[in-house]
Amino acid sequence: MSVILIMLPAALILAGLGVWAFIMAAKKGQFDDLDTPAIRAVFDDDDVPVSHTKGKADAQNPSGRAADDTAHTERV
């Protein structure tokens, strides 16, 4: 019976901390956009616009081909 005197206040404190953390997250806007994080994994972060890669390809490879073109054609 004495365990209840320790566990009940501990459970109430933990529950109160959880409710407080939820309220603080909701006030800061954590739950405002629920759709974008789900589709963010679909987008490719490595895509670079063509206008940015043209100057780099010309400077590094005078033949005019992109560096990735040679990697795909030389497979054995």
PDB file of N, CA and C in Angstrom:
ATOM      1  N   MET A   1       0.816  -1.196   0.000  1.00  0.00           N
ATOM      2  CA  MET A   1       0.000   0.000   0.000  1.00  0.00           C
ATOM      3  C   MET A   1       0.858   1.259   0.000  1.00  0.00           C
ATOM      4  N   SER A   2       2.039   1.190   0.570  1.00  0.00           N
ATOM      5  CA  SER A   2       2.886   2.374   0.610  1.00  0.00           C
ATOM      6  C   SER A   2       3.471   2.709  -0.769  1.00  0.00           C
ATOM      7  N   VAL A   3       3.465   1.729  -1.679  1.00  0.00           N
ATOM      8  CA  VAL A   3       3.967   1.975  -3.031  1.00  0.00           C
ATOM      9  C   VAL A   3       3.052   2.945  -3.760  1.00  0.00           C
ATOM     10  N   ILE A   4       1.754   2.872  -3.473  1.00  0.00           N
ATOM     11  CA  ILE A   4       0.800   3.785  -4.115  1.00  0.00           C
ATOM     12  C   ILE A   4       1.103   5.229  -3.730  1.00  0.00           C
ATOM     13  N   LEU A   5       1.569   5.456  -2.523  1.00  0.00           N
ATOM     14  CA  LEU A   5       1.883   6.812  -2.081  1.00  0.00           C
ATOM     15  C   LEU A   5       3.077   7.396  -2.853  1.00  0.00           C
ATOM     16  N   ILE A   6       3.893   6.553  -3.418  1.00  0.00           N
ATOM     17  CA  ILE A   6       5.034   7.024  -4.215  1.00  0.00           C
ATOM     18  C   ILE A   6       4.667   7.060  -5.699  1.00  0.00           C
ATOM     19  N   MET A   7       4.022   6.011  -6.193  1.00  0.00           N
ATOM     20  CA  MET A   7       3.750   5.894  -7.619  1.00  0.00           C
ATOM     21  C   MET A   7       2.641   6.825  -8.107  1.00  0.00           C
ATOM     22  N   LEU A   8       1.631   7.076  -7.316  1.00  0.00           N
ATOM     23  CA  LEU A   8       0.540   7.946  -7.748  1.00  0.00           C
ATOM     24  C   LEU A   8       1.015   9.375  -7.989  1.00  0.00           C
ATOM     25  N   PRO A   9       1.738  10.005  -7.067  1.00  0.00           N
ATOM     26  CA  PRO A   9       2.246  11.345  -7.374  1.00  0.00           C
ATOM     27  C   PRO A   9       3.247  11.361  -8.535  1.00  0.00           C
ATOM     28  N   ALA A  10       4.063  10.313  -8.641  1.00  0.00           N
ATOM     29  CA  ALA A  10       5.016  10.249  -9.748  1.00  0.00           C
ATOM     30  C   ALA A  10       4.280  10.156 -11.085  1.00  0.00           C
ATOM     31  N   ALA A  11       3.226   9.359 -11.147  1.00  0.00           N
ATOM     32  CA  ALA A  11       2.445   9.226 -12.378  1.00  0.00           C
ATOM     33  C   ALA A  11       1.740  10.534 -12.721  1.00  0.00           C
ATOM     34  N   LEU A  12       1.211  11.221 -11.719  1.00  0.00           N
ATOM     35  CA  LEU A  12       0.545  12.495 -11.961  1.00  0.00           C
ATOM     36  C   LEU A  12       1.536  13.561 -12.447  1.00  0.00           C
ATOM     37  N   ILE A  13       2.740  13.556 -11.906  1.00  0.00           N
ATOM     38  CA  ILE A  13       3.764  14.510 -12.341  1.00  0.00           C
ATOM     39  C   ILE A  13       4.179  14.230 -13.789  1.00  0.00           C
ATOM     40  N   LEU A  14       4.389  12.959 -14.107  1.00  0.00           N
ATOM     41  CA  LEU A  14       4.758  12.613 -15.484  1.00  0.00           C
ATOM     42  C   LEU A  14       3.637  12.944 -16.469  1.00  0.00           C
ATOM     43  N   ALA A  15       2.403  12.685 -16.097  1.00  0.00           N
ATOM     44  CA  ALA A  15       1.274  13.015 -16.958  1.00  0.00           C
ATOM     45  C   ALA A  15       1.174  14.528 -17.143  1.00  0.00           C
ATOM     46  N   GLY A  16       1.378  15.262 -16.078  1.00  0.00           N
ATOM     47  CA  GLY A  16       1.355  16.726 -16.167  1.00  0.00           C
ATOM     48  C   GLY A  16       2.455  17.263 -17.070  1.00  0.00           C
ATOM     49  N   LEU A  17       3.650  16.671 -16.997  1.00  0.00           N
ATOM     50  CA  LEU A  17       4.745  17.088 -17.874  1.00  0.00           C
ATOM     51  C   LEU A  17       4.420  16.795 -19.342  1.00  0.00           C
ATOM     52  N   GLY A  18       3.777  15.674 -19.593  1.00  0.00           N
ATOM     53  CA  GLY A  18       3.388  15.340 -20.965  1.00  0.00           C
ATOM     54  C   GLY A  18       2.350  16.303 -21.517  1.00  0.00           C
ATOM     55  N   VAL A  19       1.361  16.642 -20.694  1.00  0.00           N
ATOM     56  CA  VAL A  19       0.334  17.603 -21.121  1.00  0.00           C
ATOM     57  C   VAL A  19       0.963  18.969 -21.344  1.00  0.00           C
ATOM     58  N   TRP A  20       1.866  19.386 -20.466  1.00  0.00           N
ATOM     59  CA  TRP A  20       2.555  20.684 -20.615  1.00  0.00           C
ATOM     60  C   TRP A  20       3.382  20.714 -21.901  1.00  0.00           C
ATOM     61  N   ALA A  21       4.098  19.640 -22.187  1.00  0.00           N
ATOM     62  CA  ALA A  21       4.918  19.589 -23.398  1.00  0.00           C
ATOM     63  C   ALA A  21       4.033  19.641 -24.650  1.00  0.00           C
ATOM     64  N   PHE A  22       2.898  18.972 -24.631  1.00  0.00           N
ATOM     65  CA  PHE A  22       1.985  19.020 -25.767  1.00  0.00           C
ATOM     66  C   PHE A  22       1.436  20.423 -25.976  1.00  0.00           C
ATOM     67  N   ILE A  23       1.037  21.073 -24.918  1.00  0.00           N
ATOM     68  CA  ILE A  23       0.495  22.435 -25.027  1.00  0.00           C
ATOM     69  C   ILE A  23       1.556  23.399 -25.546  1.00  0.00           C
ATOM     70  N   MET A  24       2.783  23.280 -25.055  1.00  0.00           N
ATOM     71  CA  MET A  24       3.858  24.163 -25.522  1.00  0.00           C
ATOM     72  C   MET A  24       4.159  23.919 -27.008  1.00  0.00           C
ATOM     73  N   ALA A  25       4.156  22.677 -27.441  1.00  0.00           N
ATOM     74  CA  ALA A  25       4.408  22.366 -28.853  1.00  0.00           C
ATOM     75  C   ALA A  25       3.277  22.904 -29.729  1.00  0.00           C
ATOM     76  N   ALA A  26       2.040  22.795 -29.261  1.00  0.00           N
ATOM     77  CA  ALA A  26       0.906  23.302 -30.034  1.00  0.00           C
ATOM     78  C   ALA A  26       0.948  24.822 -30.122  1.00  0.00           C
ATOM     79  N   LYS A  27       1.359  25.493 -29.072  1.00  0.00           N
ATOM     80  CA  LYS A  27       1.458  26.954 -29.097  1.00  0.00           C
ATOM     81  C   LYS A  27       2.565  27.438 -30.030  1.00  0.00           C
ATOM     82  N   LYS A  28       3.637  26.678 -30.156  1.00  0.00           N
ATOM     83  CA  LYS A  28       4.754  27.075 -31.019  1.00  0.00           C
ATOM     84  C   LYS A  28       4.537  26.683 -32.474  1.00  0.00           C
ATOM     85  N   GLY A  29       3.416  26.040 -32.796  1.00  0.00           N
ATOM     86  CA  GLY A  29       3.095  25.721 -34.184  1.00  0.00           C
ATOM     87  C   GLY A  29       3.647  24.406 -34.680  1.00  0.00           C
ATOM     88  N   GLN A  30       3.986  23.511 -33.806  1.00  0.00           N
ATOM     89  CA  GLN A  30       4.552  22.221 -34.199  1.00  0.00           C
ATOM     90  C   GLN A  30       3.578  21.399 -35.044  1.00  0.00           C
ATOM     91  N   PHE A  31       2.295  21.547 -34.825  1.00  0.00           N
ATOM     92  CA  PHE A  31       1.292  20.719 -35.488  1.00  0.00           C
ATOM     93  C   PHE A  31       0.507  21.489 -36.547  1.00  0.00           C
ATOM     94  N   ASP A  32       1.035  22.615 -37.030  1.00  0.00           N
ATOM     95  CA  ASP A  32       0.308  23.424 -38.001  1.00  0.00           C
ATOM     96  C   ASP A  32       0.259  22.772 -39.381  1.00  0.00           C
ATOM     97  N   ASP A  33       1.368  22.228 -39.861  1.00  0.00           N
ATOM     98  CA  ASP A  33       1.430  21.645 -41.202  1.00  0.00           C
ATOM     99  C   ASP A  33       1.675  20.150 -41.082  1.00  0.00           C
ATOM    100  N   LEU A  34       0.622  19.368 -41.284  1.00  0.00           N
ATOM    101  CA  LEU A  34       0.733  17.921 -41.132  1.00  0.00           C
ATOM    102  C   LEU A  34       0.979  17.203 -42.456  1.00  0.00           C
ATOM    103  N   ASP A  35       0.813  17.898 -43.602  1.00  0.00           N
ATOM    104  CA  ASP A  35       0.946  17.234 -44.890  1.00  0.00           C
ATOM    105  C   ASP A  35       2.348  17.301 -45.462  1.00  0.00           C
ATOM    106  N   THR A  36       3.048  18.417 -45.309  1.00  0.00           N
ATOM    107  CA  THR A  36       4.364  18.581 -45.926  1.00  0.00           C
ATOM    108  C   THR A  36       5.408  17.594 -45.411  1.00  0.00           C
ATOM    109  N   PRO A  37       5.525  17.335 -44.106  1.00  0.00           N
ATOM    110  CA  PRO A  37       6.544  16.372 -43.677  1.00  0.00           C
ATOM    111  C   PRO A  37       6.334  14.973 -44.253  1.00  0.00           C
ATOM    112  N   ALA A  38       5.115  14.601 -44.530  1.00  0.00           N
ATOM    113  CA  ALA A  38       4.851  13.270 -45.062  1.00  0.00           C
ATOM    114  C   ALA A  38       5.327  13.133 -46.509  1.00  0.00           C
ATOM    115  N   ILE A  39       5.282  14.226 -47.285  1.00  0.00           N
ATOM    116  CA  ILE A  39       5.706  14.138 -48.683  1.00  0.00           C
ATOM    117  C   ILE A  39       7.117  14.667 -48.898  1.00  0.00           C
ATOM    118  N   ARG A  40       7.764  15.166 -47.877  1.00  0.00           N
ATOM    119  CA  ARG A  40       9.107  15.711 -48.019  1.00  0.00           C
ATOM    120  C   ARG A  40      10.118  14.635 -48.419  1.00  0.00           C
ATOM    121  N   ALA A  41       9.887  13.404 -48.029  1.00  0.00           N
ATOM    122  CA  ALA A  41      10.807  12.323 -48.369  1.00  0.00           C
ATOM    123  C   ALA A  41      10.773  12.002 -49.862  1.00  0.00           C
ATOM    124  N   VAL A  42       9.707  12.386 -50.548  1.00  0.00           N
ATOM    125  CA  VAL A  42       9.582  12.113 -51.971  1.00  0.00           C
ATOM    126  C   VAL A  42      10.470  13.038 -52.793  1.00  0.00           C
ATOM    127  N   PHE A  43      10.697  14.267 -52.321  1.00  0.00           N
ATOM    128  CA  PHE A  43      11.482  15.241 -53.065  1.00  0.00           C
ATOM    129  C   PHE A  43      12.959  14.889 -53.018  1.00  0.00           C
ATOM    130  N   ASP A  44      13.649  15.141 -54.114  1.00  0.00           N
ATOM    131  CA  ASP A  44      15.072  14.842 -54.223  1.00  0.00           C
ATOM    132  C   ASP A  44      15.868  16.111 -53.941  1.00  0.00           C
ATOM    133  N   ASP A  45      16.698  16.095 -52.917  1.00  0.00           N
ATOM    134  CA  ASP A  45      17.484  17.261 -52.547  1.00  0.00           C
ATOM    135  C   ASP A  45      18.695  17.469 -53.447  1.00  0.00           C
ATOM    136  N   ASP A  46      19.074  16.466 -54.224  1.00  0.00           N
ATOM    137  CA  ASP A  46      20.260  16.567 -55.056  1.00  0.00           C
ATOM    138  C   ASP A  46      20.001  17.272 -56.381  1.00  0.00           C
ATOM    139  N   ASP A  47      18.760  17.573 -56.696  1.00  0.00           N
ATOM    140  CA  ASP A  47      18.462  18.242 -57.955  1.00  0.00           C
ATOM    141  C   ASP A  47      18.994  19.669 -57.932  1.00  0.00           C
ATOM    142  N   VAL A  48      19.745  20.014 -58.959  1.00  0.00           N
ATOM    143  CA  VAL A  48      20.293  21.360 -59.112  1.00  0.00           C
ATOM    144  C   VAL A  48      19.762  21.883 -60.435  1.00  0.00           C
ATOM    145  N   PRO A  49      19.303  23.126 -60.493  1.00  0.00           N
ATOM    146  CA  PRO A  49      18.813  23.667 -61.757  1.00  0.00           C
ATOM    147  C   PRO A  49      19.885  23.603 -62.846  1.00  0.00           C
ATOM    148  N   VAL A  50      19.462  23.432 -64.080  1.00  0.00           N
ATOM    149  CA  VAL A  50      20.375  23.257 -65.206  1.00  0.00           C
ATOM    150  C   VAL A  50      21.274  24.470 -65.385  1.00  0.00           C
ATOM    151  N   SER A  51      20.767  25.657 -65.126  1.00  0.00           N
ATOM    152  CA  SER A  51      21.567  26.864 -65.333  1.00  0.00           C
ATOM    153  C   SER A  51      22.783  26.896 -64.408  1.00  0.00           C
ATOM    154  N   HIS A  52      22.715  26.263 -63.264  1.00  0.00           N
ATOM    155  CA  HIS A  52      23.859  26.252 -62.348  1.00  0.00           C
ATOM    156  C   HIS A  52      24.906  25.212 -62.729  1.00  0.00           C
ATOM    157  N   THR A  53      24.496  24.149 -63.384  1.00  0.00           N
ATOM    158  CA  THR A  53      25.444  23.084 -63.707  1.00  0.00           C
ATOM    159  C   THR A  53      26.166  23.323 -65.023  1.00  0.00           C
ATOM    160  N   LYS A  54      25.635  24.153 -65.907  1.00  0.00           N
ATOM    161  CA  LYS A  54      26.243  24.342 -67.219  1.00  0.00           C
ATOM    162  C   LYS A  54      27.633  24.951 -67.109  1.00  0.00           C
ATOM    163  N   GLY A  55      27.799  25.955 -66.283  1.00  0.00           N
ATOM    164  CA  GLY A  55      29.101  26.587 -66.135  1.00  0.00           C
ATOM    165  C   GLY A  55      30.115  25.648 -65.512  1.00  0.00           C
ATOM    166  N   LYS A  56      29.713  24.846 -64.574  1.00  0.00           N
ATOM    167  CA  LYS A  56      30.627  23.906 -63.924  1.00  0.00           C
ATOM    168  C   LYS A  56      31.049  22.807 -64.890  1.00  0.00           C
ATOM    169  N   ALA A  57      30.130  22.317 -65.708  1.00  0.00           N
ATOM    170  CA  ALA A  57      30.455  21.249 -66.647  1.00  0.00           C
ATOM    171  C   ALA A  57      31.412  21.752 -67.718  1.00  0.00           C
ATOM    172  N   ASP A  58      31.209  22.981 -68.189  1.00  0.00           N
ATOM    173  CA  ASP A  58      32.086  23.530 -69.211  1.00  0.00           C
ATOM    174  C   ASP A  58      33.488  23.767 -68.675  1.00  0.00           C
ATOM    175  N   ALA A  59      33.590  24.188 -67.442  1.00  0.00           N
ATOM    176  CA  ALA A  59      34.902  24.479 -66.864  1.00  0.00           C
ATOM    177  C   ALA A  59      35.678  23.202 -66.558  1.00  0.00           C
ATOM    178  N   GLN A  60      34.995  22.156 -66.157  1.00  0.00           N
ATOM    179  CA  GLN A  60      35.675  20.928 -65.768  1.00  0.00           C
ATOM    180  C   GLN A  60      35.852  19.970 -66.941  1.00  0.00           C
ATOM    181  N   ASN A  61      34.950  20.010 -67.897  1.00  0.00           N
ATOM    182  CA  ASN A  61      34.973  19.060 -68.992  1.00  0.00           C
ATOM    183  C   ASN A  61      34.832  19.833 -70.308  1.00  0.00           C
ATOM    184  N   PRO A  62      35.914  20.096 -71.017  1.00  0.00           N
ATOM    185  CA  PRO A  62      35.841  20.910 -72.222  1.00  0.00           C
ATOM    186  C   PRO A  62      35.058  20.269 -73.362  1.00  0.00           C
ATOM    187  N   SER A  63      34.770  18.975 -73.287  1.00  0.00           N
ATOM    188  CA  SER A  63      34.031  18.320 -74.373  1.00  0.00           C
ATOM    189  C   SER A  63      32.570  18.737 -74.402  1.00  0.00           C
ATOM    190  N   GLY A  64      32.073  19.349 -73.325  1.00  0.00           N
ATOM    191  CA  GLY A  64      30.692  19.811 -73.285  1.00  0.00           C
ATOM    192  C   GLY A  64      29.742  18.805 -72.674  1.00  0.00           C
ATOM    193  N   ARG A  65      30.206  17.559 -72.473  1.00  0.00           N
ATOM    194  CA  ARG A  65      29.346  16.574 -71.841  1.00  0.00           C
ATOM    195  C   ARG A  65      29.423  16.735 -70.335  1.00  0.00           C
ATOM    196  N   ALA A  66      28.346  16.425 -69.672  1.00  0.00           N
ATOM    197  CA  ALA A  66      28.341  16.474 -68.211  1.00  0.00           C
ATOM    198  C   ALA A  66      29.189  15.338 -67.670  1.00  0.00           C
ATOM    199  N   ALA A  67      29.711  15.511 -66.481  1.00  0.00           N
ATOM    200  CA  ALA A  67      30.573  14.497 -65.878  1.00  0.00           C
ATOM    201  C   ALA A  67      29.820  13.195 -65.631  1.00  0.00           C
ATOM    202  N   ASP A  68      28.508  13.273 -65.396  1.00  0.00           N
ATOM    203  CA  ASP A  68      27.725  12.074 -65.127  1.00  0.00           C
ATOM    204  C   ASP A  68      27.518  11.227 -66.384  1.00  0.00           C
ATOM    205  N   ASP A  69      27.598  11.831 -67.580  1.00  0.00           N
ATOM    206  CA  ASP A  69      27.386  11.080 -68.814  1.00  0.00           C
ATOM    207  C   ASP A  69      28.449  10.006 -69.003  1.00  0.00           C
ATOM    208  N   THR A  70      29.687  10.303 -68.662  1.00  0.00           N
ATOM    209  CA  THR A  70      30.760   9.332 -68.864  1.00  0.00           C
ATOM    210  C   THR A  70      30.672   8.191 -67.865  1.00  0.00           C
ATOM    211  N   ALA A  71      30.183   8.459 -66.678  1.00  0.00           N
ATOM    212  CA  ALA A  71      30.096   7.413 -65.648  1.00  0.00           C
ATOM    213  C   ALA A  71      29.074   6.345 -66.054  1.00  0.00           C
ATOM    214  N   HIS A  72      28.018   6.739 -66.749  1.00  0.00           N
ATOM    215  CA  HIS A  72      26.970   5.789 -67.110  1.00  0.00           C
ATOM    216  C   HIS A  72      27.337   4.983 -68.356  1.00  0.00           C
ATOM    217  N   THR A  73      28.173   5.528 -69.223  1.00  0.00           N
ATOM    218  CA  THR A  73      28.469   4.819 -70.469  1.00  0.00           C
ATOM    219  C   THR A  73      29.665   3.883 -70.355  1.00  0.00           C
ATOM    220  N   GLU A  74      30.488   4.016 -69.349  1.00  0.00           N
ATOM    221  CA  GLU A  74      31.697   3.214 -69.240  1.00  0.00           C
ATOM    222  C   GLU A  74      31.549   2.005 -68.318  1.00  0.00           C
ATOM    223  N   ARG A  75      30.346   1.522 -68.137  1.00  0.00           N
ATOM    224  CA  ARG A  75      30.153   0.328 -67.319  1.00  0.00           C
ATOM    225  C   ARG A  75      30.589  -0.896 -68.091  1.00  0.00           C
ATOM    226  N   VAL A  76      31.151  -1.855 -67.373  1.00  0.00           N
ATOM    227  CA  VAL A  76      31.617  -3.093 -68.017  1.00  0.00           C
ATOM    228  C   VAL A  76      30.769  -4.245 -67.570  1.00  0.00           C
TER     229      VAL A  76
END
